[in-house]
Amino acid sequence: LRPALPDYTIETDMEAIPTELRGLHAANPVNLPRHRGVQIELPPRVRGTSPIWKDWAGPGLVPHTQALIDALAAAALAWPA
């Protein structure tokens, strides 16, 4: 995600994330599958809900959201089977 969203901090060091925000609780839906999952917390600008996008007329999604989708799709396609 870092190359796709260079203006954002991508935090992967669990020790740097406050305990209550780590999403490690067993009841968290992302932790239910056998191989676990990934939980991504997105700021409003990436979700496309920030006031900076109020005048966005498209086409498509706001650029930061599209960059996220493209990066996640590329990662999924490159993931070893």
PDB file of N, CA and C in Angstrom:
ATOM      1  N   LEU A   1       0.802  -1.204   0.000  1.00  0.00           N
ATOM      2  CA  LEU A   1       0.000   0.000   0.000  1.00  0.00           C
ATOM      3  C   LEU A   1       0.846   1.271   0.000  1.00  0.00           C
ATOM      4  N   ARG A   2       2.037   1.184   0.548  1.00  0.00           N
ATOM      5  CA  ARG A   2       2.870   2.391   0.644  1.00  0.00           C
ATOM      6  C   ARG A   2       3.125   3.056  -0.709  1.00  0.00           C
ATOM      7  N   PRO A   3       3.505   2.297  -1.752  1.00  0.00           N
ATOM      8  CA  PRO A   3       3.729   2.956  -3.050  1.00  0.00           C
ATOM      9  C   PRO A   3       2.451   3.587  -3.626  1.00  0.00           C
ATOM     10  N   ALA A   4       1.308   2.992  -3.352  1.00  0.00           N
ATOM     11  CA  ALA A   4       0.051   3.497  -3.905  1.00  0.00           C
ATOM     12  C   ALA A   4      -0.488   4.708  -3.148  1.00  0.00           C
ATOM     13  N   LEU A   5      -0.157   4.794  -1.863  1.00  0.00           N
ATOM     14  CA  LEU A   5      -0.657   5.889  -1.023  1.00  0.00           C
ATOM     15  C   LEU A   5       0.506   6.538  -0.276  1.00  0.00           C
ATOM     16  N   PRO A   6       1.429   7.158  -0.998  1.00  0.00           N
ATOM     17  CA  PRO A   6       2.654   7.662  -0.368  1.00  0.00           C
ATOM     18  C   PRO A   6       2.442   8.786   0.641  1.00  0.00           C
ATOM     19  N   ASP A   7       1.308   9.452   0.612  1.00  0.00           N
ATOM     20  CA  ASP A   7       1.064  10.557   1.537  1.00  0.00           C
ATOM     21  C   ASP A   7       0.478  10.109   2.874  1.00  0.00           C
ATOM     22  N   TYR A   8       0.319   8.799   3.050  1.00  0.00           N
ATOM     23  CA  TYR A   8      -0.286   8.264   4.267  1.00  0.00           C
ATOM     24  C   TYR A   8       0.715   7.400   5.022  1.00  0.00           C
ATOM     25  N   THR A   9       0.545   7.344   6.336  1.00  0.00           N
ATOM     26  CA  THR A   9       1.357   6.456   7.159  1.00  0.00           C
ATOM     27  C   THR A   9       0.698   5.085   7.156  1.00  0.00           C
ATOM     28  N   ILE A  10       1.425   4.079   6.724  1.00  0.00           N
ATOM     29  CA  ILE A  10       0.938   2.699   6.745  1.00  0.00           C
ATOM     30  C   ILE A  10       1.635   2.036   7.925  1.00  0.00           C
ATOM     31  N   GLU A  11       0.898   1.806   9.001  1.00  0.00           N
ATOM     32  CA  GLU A  11       1.489   1.279  10.230  1.00  0.00           C
ATOM     33  C   GLU A  11       1.281  -0.228  10.306  1.00  0.00           C
ATOM     34  N   THR A  12       2.361  -0.976  10.331  1.00  0.00           N
ATOM     35  CA  THR A  12       2.279  -2.436  10.436  1.00  0.00           C
ATOM     36  C   THR A  12       2.935  -2.961  11.703  1.00  0.00           C
ATOM     37  N   ASP A  13       3.559  -2.090  12.468  1.00  0.00           N
ATOM     38  CA  ASP A  13       4.191  -2.490  13.725  1.00  0.00           C
ATOM     39  C   ASP A  13       3.123  -2.501  14.812  1.00  0.00           C
ATOM     40  N   MET A  14       2.708  -3.684  15.225  1.00  0.00           N
ATOM     41  CA  MET A  14       1.637  -3.808  16.211  1.00  0.00           C
ATOM     42  C   MET A  14       1.948  -3.070  17.508  1.00  0.00           C
ATOM     43  N   GLU A  15       3.212  -2.993  17.877  1.00  0.00           N
ATOM     44  CA  GLU A  15       3.584  -2.301  19.112  1.00  0.00           C
ATOM     45  C   GLU A  15       3.341  -0.796  19.009  1.00  0.00           C
ATOM     46  N   ALA A  16       3.298  -0.269  17.808  1.00  0.00           N
ATOM     47  CA  ALA A  16       3.071   1.163  17.611  1.00  0.00           C
ATOM     48  C   ALA A  16       1.588   1.522  17.625  1.00  0.00           C
ATOM     49  N   ILE A  17       0.737   0.507  17.591  1.00  0.00           N
ATOM     50  CA  ILE A  17      -0.710   0.717  17.578  1.00  0.00           C
ATOM     51  C   ILE A  17      -1.231   0.524  18.997  1.00  0.00           C
ATOM     52  N   PRO A  18      -2.049   1.457  19.506  1.00  0.00           N
ATOM     53  CA  PRO A  18      -2.600   1.282  20.854  1.00  0.00           C
ATOM     54  C   PRO A  18      -3.315  -0.066  20.985  1.00  0.00           C
ATOM     55  N   THR A  19      -3.134  -0.711  22.110  1.00  0.00           N
ATOM     56  CA  THR A  19      -3.678  -2.054  22.343  1.00  0.00           C
ATOM     57  C   THR A  19      -5.153  -2.155  21.978  1.00  0.00           C
ATOM     58  N   GLU A  20      -5.944  -1.182  22.398  1.00  0.00           N
ATOM     59  CA  GLU A  20      -7.389  -1.250  22.167  1.00  0.00           C
ATOM     60  C   GLU A  20      -7.772  -1.058  20.697  1.00  0.00           C
ATOM     61  N   LEU A  21      -6.814  -0.658  19.868  1.00  0.00           N
ATOM     62  CA  LEU A  21      -7.097  -0.446  18.442  1.00  0.00           C
ATOM     63  C   LEU A  21      -6.476  -1.506  17.539  1.00  0.00           C
ATOM     64  N   ARG A  22      -5.861  -2.501  18.113  1.00  0.00           N
ATOM     65  CA  ARG A  22      -5.136  -3.497  17.311  1.00  0.00           C
ATOM     66  C   ARG A  22      -6.035  -4.500  16.601  1.00  0.00           C
ATOM     67  N   GLY A  23      -7.252  -4.670  17.030  1.00  0.00           N
ATOM     68  CA  GLY A  23      -8.164  -5.593  16.364  1.00  0.00           C
ATOM     69  C   GLY A  23      -7.823  -7.057  16.559  1.00  0.00           C
ATOM     70  N   LEU A  24      -7.153  -7.386  17.665  1.00  0.00           N
ATOM     71  CA  LEU A  24      -6.711  -8.764  17.888  1.00  0.00           C
ATOM     72  C   LEU A  24      -7.691  -9.600  18.708  1.00  0.00           C
ATOM     73  N   HIS A  25      -8.787  -9.030  19.127  1.00  0.00           N
ATOM     74  CA  HIS A  25      -9.754  -9.762  19.939  1.00  0.00           C
ATOM     75  C   HIS A  25     -10.317 -10.938  19.141  1.00  0.00           C
ATOM     76  N   ALA A  26     -10.481 -12.066  19.785  1.00  0.00           N
ATOM     77  CA  ALA A  26     -10.943 -13.285  19.100  1.00  0.00           C
ATOM     78  C   ALA A  26     -12.310 -13.115  18.441  1.00  0.00           C
ATOM     79  N   ALA A  27     -13.149 -12.228  18.967  1.00  0.00           N
ATOM     80  CA  ALA A  27     -14.483 -12.033  18.404  1.00  0.00           C
ATOM     81  C   ALA A  27     -14.489 -11.080  17.203  1.00  0.00           C
ATOM     82  N   ASN A  28     -13.366 -10.475  16.899  1.00  0.00           N
ATOM     83  CA  ASN A  28     -13.280  -9.590  15.735  1.00  0.00           C
ATOM     84  C   ASN A  28     -13.474 -10.449  14.484  1.00  0.00           C
ATOM     85  N   PRO A  29     -14.441 -10.133  13.623  1.00  0.00           N
ATOM     86  CA  PRO A  29     -14.717 -10.973  12.453  1.00  0.00           C
ATOM     87  C   PRO A  29     -13.498 -11.252  11.574  1.00  0.00           C
ATOM     88  N   VAL A  30     -12.555 -10.326  11.510  1.00  0.00           N
ATOM     89  CA  VAL A  30     -11.375 -10.549  10.673  1.00  0.00           C
ATOM     90  C   VAL A  30     -10.508 -11.680  11.224  1.00  0.00           C
ATOM     91  N   ASN A  31     -10.669 -12.004  12.507  1.00  0.00           N
ATOM     92  CA  ASN A  31      -9.868 -13.059  13.122  1.00  0.00           C
ATOM     93  C   ASN A  31     -10.553 -14.425  13.098  1.00  0.00           C
ATOM     94  N   LEU A  32     -11.756 -14.516  12.585  1.00  0.00           N
ATOM     95  CA  LEU A  32     -12.498 -15.774  12.600  1.00  0.00           C
ATOM     96  C   LEU A  32     -12.042 -16.799  11.557  1.00  0.00           C
ATOM     97  N   PRO A  33     -11.652 -16.399  10.335  1.00  0.00           N
ATOM     98  CA  PRO A  33     -11.198 -17.404   9.368  1.00  0.00           C
ATOM     99  C   PRO A  33      -9.948 -18.142   9.854  1.00  0.00           C
ATOM    100  N   ARG A  34      -9.749 -19.336   9.372  1.00  0.00           N
ATOM    101  CA  ARG A  34      -8.639 -20.183   9.807  1.00  0.00           C
ATOM    102  C   ARG A  34      -7.286 -19.487   9.687  1.00  0.00           C
ATOM    103  N   HIS A  35      -7.052 -18.792   8.590  1.00  0.00           N
ATOM    104  CA  HIS A  35      -5.758 -18.134   8.378  1.00  0.00           C
ATOM    105  C   HIS A  35      -5.792 -16.658   8.752  1.00  0.00           C
ATOM    106  N   ARG A  36      -6.812 -16.274   9.490  1.00  0.00           N
ATOM    107  CA  ARG A  36      -6.993 -14.884   9.934  1.00  0.00           C
ATOM    108  C   ARG A  36      -7.223 -13.988   8.733  1.00  0.00           C
ATOM    109  N   GLY A  37      -7.099 -12.710   8.942  1.00  0.00           N
ATOM    110  CA  GLY A  37      -7.347 -11.771   7.859  1.00  0.00           C
ATOM    111  C   GLY A  37      -6.607 -10.478   8.103  1.00  0.00           C
ATOM    112  N   VAL A  38      -7.059  -9.454   7.467  1.00  0.00           N
ATOM    113  CA  VAL A  38      -6.445  -8.134   7.579  1.00  0.00           C
ATOM    114  C   VAL A  38      -7.546  -7.122   7.838  1.00  0.00           C
ATOM    115  N   GLN A  39      -7.284  -6.245   8.759  1.00  0.00           N
ATOM    116  CA  GLN A  39      -8.209  -5.153   9.028  1.00  0.00           C
ATOM    117  C   GLN A  39      -7.493  -3.864   8.669  1.00  0.00           C
ATOM    118  N   ILE A  40      -8.091  -3.090   7.809  1.00  0.00           N
ATOM    119  CA  ILE A  40      -7.484  -1.839   7.363  1.00  0.00           C
ATOM    120  C   ILE A  40      -8.341  -0.683   7.860  1.00  0.00           C
ATOM    121  N   GLU A  41      -7.740   0.185   8.641  1.00  0.00           N
ATOM    122  CA  GLU A  41      -8.425   1.395   9.103  1.00  0.00           C
ATOM    123  C   GLU A  41      -8.098   2.502   8.109  1.00  0.00           C
ATOM    124  N   LEU A  42      -9.119   3.076   7.523  1.00  0.00           N
ATOM    125  CA  LEU A  42      -8.923   4.068   6.465  1.00  0.00           C
ATOM    126  C   LEU A  42      -9.340   5.464   6.916  1.00  0.00           C
ATOM    127  N   PRO A  43      -8.500   6.458   6.628  1.00  0.00           N
ATOM    128  CA  PRO A  43      -8.887   7.833   6.939  1.00  0.00           C
ATOM    129  C   PRO A  43      -9.956   8.316   5.954  1.00  0.00           C
ATOM    130  N   PRO A  44     -10.692   9.367   6.317  1.00  0.00           N
ATOM    131  CA  PRO A  44     -11.761   9.862   5.443  1.00  0.00           C
ATOM    132  C   PRO A  44     -11.314  10.165   4.016  1.00  0.00           C
ATOM    133  N   ARG A  45     -10.102  10.662   3.825  1.00  0.00           N
ATOM    134  CA  ARG A  45      -9.663  10.985   2.461  1.00  0.00           C
ATOM    135  C   ARG A  45      -9.567   9.748   1.586  1.00  0.00           C
ATOM    136  N   VAL A  46      -9.173   8.629   2.160  1.00  0.00           N
ATOM    137  CA  VAL A  46      -9.082   7.395   1.371  1.00  0.00           C
ATOM    138  C   VAL A  46     -10.475   6.802   1.163  1.00  0.00           C
ATOM    139  N   ARG A  47     -11.358   6.984   2.139  1.00  0.00           N
ATOM    140  CA  ARG A  47     -12.732   6.498   1.992  1.00  0.00           C
ATOM    141  C   ARG A  47     -13.538   7.367   1.028  1.00  0.00           C
ATOM    142  N   GLY A  48     -13.015   8.555   0.707  1.00  0.00           N
ATOM    143  CA  GLY A  48     -13.735   9.455  -0.186  1.00  0.00           C
ATOM    144  C   GLY A  48     -14.780  10.288   0.518  1.00  0.00           C
ATOM    145  N   THR A  49     -14.709  10.353   1.855  1.00  0.00           N
ATOM    146  CA  THR A  49     -15.715  11.086   2.622  1.00  0.00           C
ATOM    147  C   THR A  49     -15.192  12.386   3.212  1.00  0.00           C
ATOM    148  N   SER A  50     -14.000  12.777   2.850  1.00  0.00           N
ATOM    149  CA  SER A  50     -13.412  14.016   3.357  1.00  0.00           C
ATOM    150  C   SER A  50     -13.996  15.215   2.610  1.00  0.00           C
ATOM    151  N   PRO A  51     -14.084  16.361   3.282  1.00  0.00           N
ATOM    152  CA  PRO A  51     -14.556  17.569   2.591  1.00  0.00           C
ATOM    153  C   PRO A  51     -13.707  17.949   1.373  1.00  0.00           C
ATOM    154  N   ILE A  52     -12.459  17.469   1.315  1.00  0.00           N
ATOM    155  CA  ILE A  52     -11.642  17.829   0.150  1.00  0.00           C
ATOM    156  C   ILE A  52     -12.208  17.241  -1.139  1.00  0.00           C
ATOM    157  N   TRP A  53     -13.068  16.239  -1.021  1.00  0.00           N
ATOM    158  CA  TRP A  53     -13.651  15.612  -2.220  1.00  0.00           C
ATOM    159  C   TRP A  53     -15.060  16.116  -2.522  1.00  0.00           C
ATOM    160  N   LYS A  54     -15.546  17.143  -1.817  1.00  0.00           N
ATOM    161  CA  LYS A  54     -16.939  17.580  -1.997  1.00  0.00           C
ATOM    162  C   LYS A  54     -17.254  18.002  -3.432  1.00  0.00           C
ATOM    163  N   ASP A  55     -16.255  18.467  -4.149  1.00  0.00           N
ATOM    164  CA  ASP A  55     -16.476  18.894  -5.531  1.00  0.00           C
ATOM    165  C   ASP A  55     -16.100  17.823  -6.554  1.00  0.00           C
ATOM    166  N   TRP A  56     -15.742  16.619  -6.079  1.00  0.00           N
ATOM    167  CA  TRP A  56     -15.335  15.553  -6.998  1.00  0.00           C
ATOM    168  C   TRP A  56     -16.524  15.147  -7.856  1.00  0.00           C
ATOM    169  N   ALA A  57     -16.365  15.260  -9.161  1.00  0.00           N
ATOM    170  CA  ALA A  57     -17.437  14.902 -10.084  1.00  0.00           C
ATOM    171  C   ALA A  57     -17.106  13.639 -10.875  1.00  0.00           C
ATOM    172  N   GLY A  58     -15.966  13.029 -10.535  1.00  0.00           N
ATOM    173  CA  GLY A  58     -15.603  11.802 -11.221  1.00  0.00           C
ATOM    174  C   GLY A  58     -14.780  12.071 -12.450  1.00  0.00           C
ATOM    175  N   PRO A  59     -14.628  11.141 -13.281  1.00  0.00           N
ATOM    176  CA  PRO A  59     -15.348   9.870 -13.295  1.00  0.00           C
ATOM    177  C   PRO A  59     -14.828   8.908 -12.230  1.00  0.00           C
ATOM    178  N   GLY A  60     -15.681   8.013 -11.829  1.00  0.00           N
ATOM    179  CA  GLY A  60     -15.290   6.969 -10.891  1.00  0.00           C
ATOM    180  C   GLY A  60     -15.120   7.462  -9.469  1.00  0.00           C
ATOM    181  N   LEU A  61     -14.378   6.674  -8.720  1.00  0.00           N
ATOM    182  CA  LEU A  61     -14.125   6.963  -7.315  1.00  0.00           C
ATOM    183  C   LEU A  61     -13.075   8.051  -7.175  1.00  0.00           C
ATOM    184  N   VAL A  62     -12.998   8.641  -5.982  1.00  0.00           N
ATOM    185  CA  VAL A  62     -11.957   9.645  -5.744  1.00  0.00           C
ATOM    186  C   VAL A  62     -10.596   8.970  -5.902  1.00  0.00           C
ATOM    187  N   PRO A  63      -9.569   9.711  -6.310  1.00  0.00           N
ATOM    188  CA  PRO A  63      -8.269   9.106  -6.622  1.00  0.00           C
ATOM    189  C   PRO A  63      -7.660   8.268  -5.496  1.00  0.00           C
ATOM    190  N   HIS A  64      -7.782   8.701  -4.253  1.00  0.00           N
ATOM    191  CA  HIS A  64      -7.170   7.939  -3.160  1.00  0.00           C
ATOM    192  C   HIS A  64      -7.879   6.597  -2.967  1.00  0.00           C
ATOM    193  N   THR A  65      -9.191   6.588  -3.115  1.00  0.00           N
ATOM    194  CA  THR A  65      -9.946   5.334  -3.001  1.00  0.00           C
ATOM    195  C   THR A  65      -9.579   4.395  -4.140  1.00  0.00           C
ATOM    196  N   GLN A  66      -9.489   4.922  -5.343  1.00  0.00           N
ATOM    197  CA  GLN A  66      -9.127   4.089  -6.493  1.00  0.00           C
ATOM    198  C   GLN A  66      -7.719   3.544  -6.352  1.00  0.00           C
ATOM    199  N   ALA A  67      -6.798   4.358  -5.825  1.00  0.00           N
ATOM    200  CA  ALA A  67      -5.422   3.893  -5.611  1.00  0.00           C
ATOM    201  C   ALA A  67      -5.395   2.739  -4.616  1.00  0.00           C
ATOM    202  N   LEU A  68      -6.204   2.832  -3.559  1.00  0.00           N
ATOM    203  CA  LEU A  68      -6.288   1.750  -2.573  1.00  0.00           C
ATOM    204  C   LEU A  68      -6.816   0.474  -3.227  1.00  0.00           C
ATOM    205  N   ILE A  69      -7.897   0.582  -3.965  1.00  0.00           N
ATOM    206  CA  ILE A  69      -8.488  -0.590  -4.621  1.00  0.00           C
ATOM    207  C   ILE A  69      -7.502  -1.225  -5.590  1.00  0.00           C
ATOM    208  N   ASP A  70      -6.842  -0.406  -6.385  1.00  0.00           N
ATOM    209  CA  ASP A  70      -5.865  -0.931  -7.343  1.00  0.00           C
ATOM    210  C   ASP A  70      -4.726  -1.655  -6.632  1.00  0.00           C
ATOM    211  N   ALA A  71      -4.236  -1.083  -5.523  1.00  0.00           N
ATOM    212  CA  ALA A  71      -3.135  -1.705  -4.781  1.00  0.00           C
ATOM    213  C   ALA A  71      -3.571  -3.017  -4.138  1.00  0.00           C
ATOM    214  N   LEU A  72      -4.767  -3.046  -3.563  1.00  0.00           N
ATOM    215  CA  LEU A  72      -5.256  -4.285  -2.943  1.00  0.00           C
ATOM    216  C   LEU A  72      -5.502  -5.366  -3.998  1.00  0.00           C
ATOM    217  N   ALA A  73      -6.044  -4.982  -5.142  1.00  0.00           N
ATOM    218  CA  ALA A  73      -6.269  -5.955  -6.219  1.00  0.00           C
ATOM    219  C   ALA A  73      -4.945  -6.511  -6.727  1.00  0.00           C
ATOM    220  N   ALA A  74      -3.946  -5.651  -6.894  1.00  0.00           N
ATOM    221  CA  ALA A  74      -2.630  -6.114  -7.351  1.00  0.00           C
ATOM    222  C   ALA A  74      -2.003  -7.058  -6.335  1.00  0.00           C
ATOM    223  N   ALA A  75      -2.148  -6.742  -5.052  1.00  0.00           N
ATOM    224  CA  ALA A  75      -1.599  -7.613  -4.008  1.00  0.00           C
ATOM    225  C   ALA A  75      -2.296  -8.972  -4.018  1.00  0.00           C
ATOM    226  N   ALA A  76      -3.613  -8.968  -4.179  1.00  0.00           N
ATOM    227  CA  ALA A  76      -4.357 -10.230  -4.207  1.00  0.00           C
ATOM    228  C   ALA A  76      -3.940 -11.089  -5.398  1.00  0.00           C
ATOM    229  N   LEU A  77      -3.742 -10.472  -6.541  1.00  0.00           N
ATOM    230  CA  LEU A  77      -3.330 -11.223  -7.730  1.00  0.00           C
ATOM    231  C   LEU A  77      -1.909 -11.761  -7.612  1.00  0.00           C
ATOM    232  N   ALA A  78      -1.061 -11.046  -6.892  1.00  0.00           N
ATOM    233  CA  ALA A  78       0.339 -11.465  -6.745  1.00  0.00           C
ATOM    234  C   ALA A  78       0.555 -12.433  -5.587  1.00  0.00           C
ATOM    235  N   TRP A  79      -0.452 -12.597  -4.725  1.00  0.00           N
ATOM    236  CA  TRP A  79      -0.314 -13.450  -3.544  1.00  0.00           C
ATOM    237  C   TRP A  79      -0.124 -14.902  -3.962  1.00  0.00           C
ATOM    238  N   PRO A  80       0.860 -15.587  -3.366  1.00  0.00           N
ATOM    239  CA  PRO A  80       1.076 -16.996  -3.728  1.00  0.00           C
ATOM    240  C   PRO A  80      -0.129 -17.863  -3.360  1.00  0.00           C
ATOM    241  N   ALA A  81      -0.429 -18.794  -4.208  1.00  0.00           N
ATOM    242  CA  ALA A  81      -1.585 -19.676  -3.981  1.00  0.00           C
ATOM    243  C   ALA A  81      -1.306 -20.699  -2.913  1.00  0.00           C
TER     244      ALA A  81
END
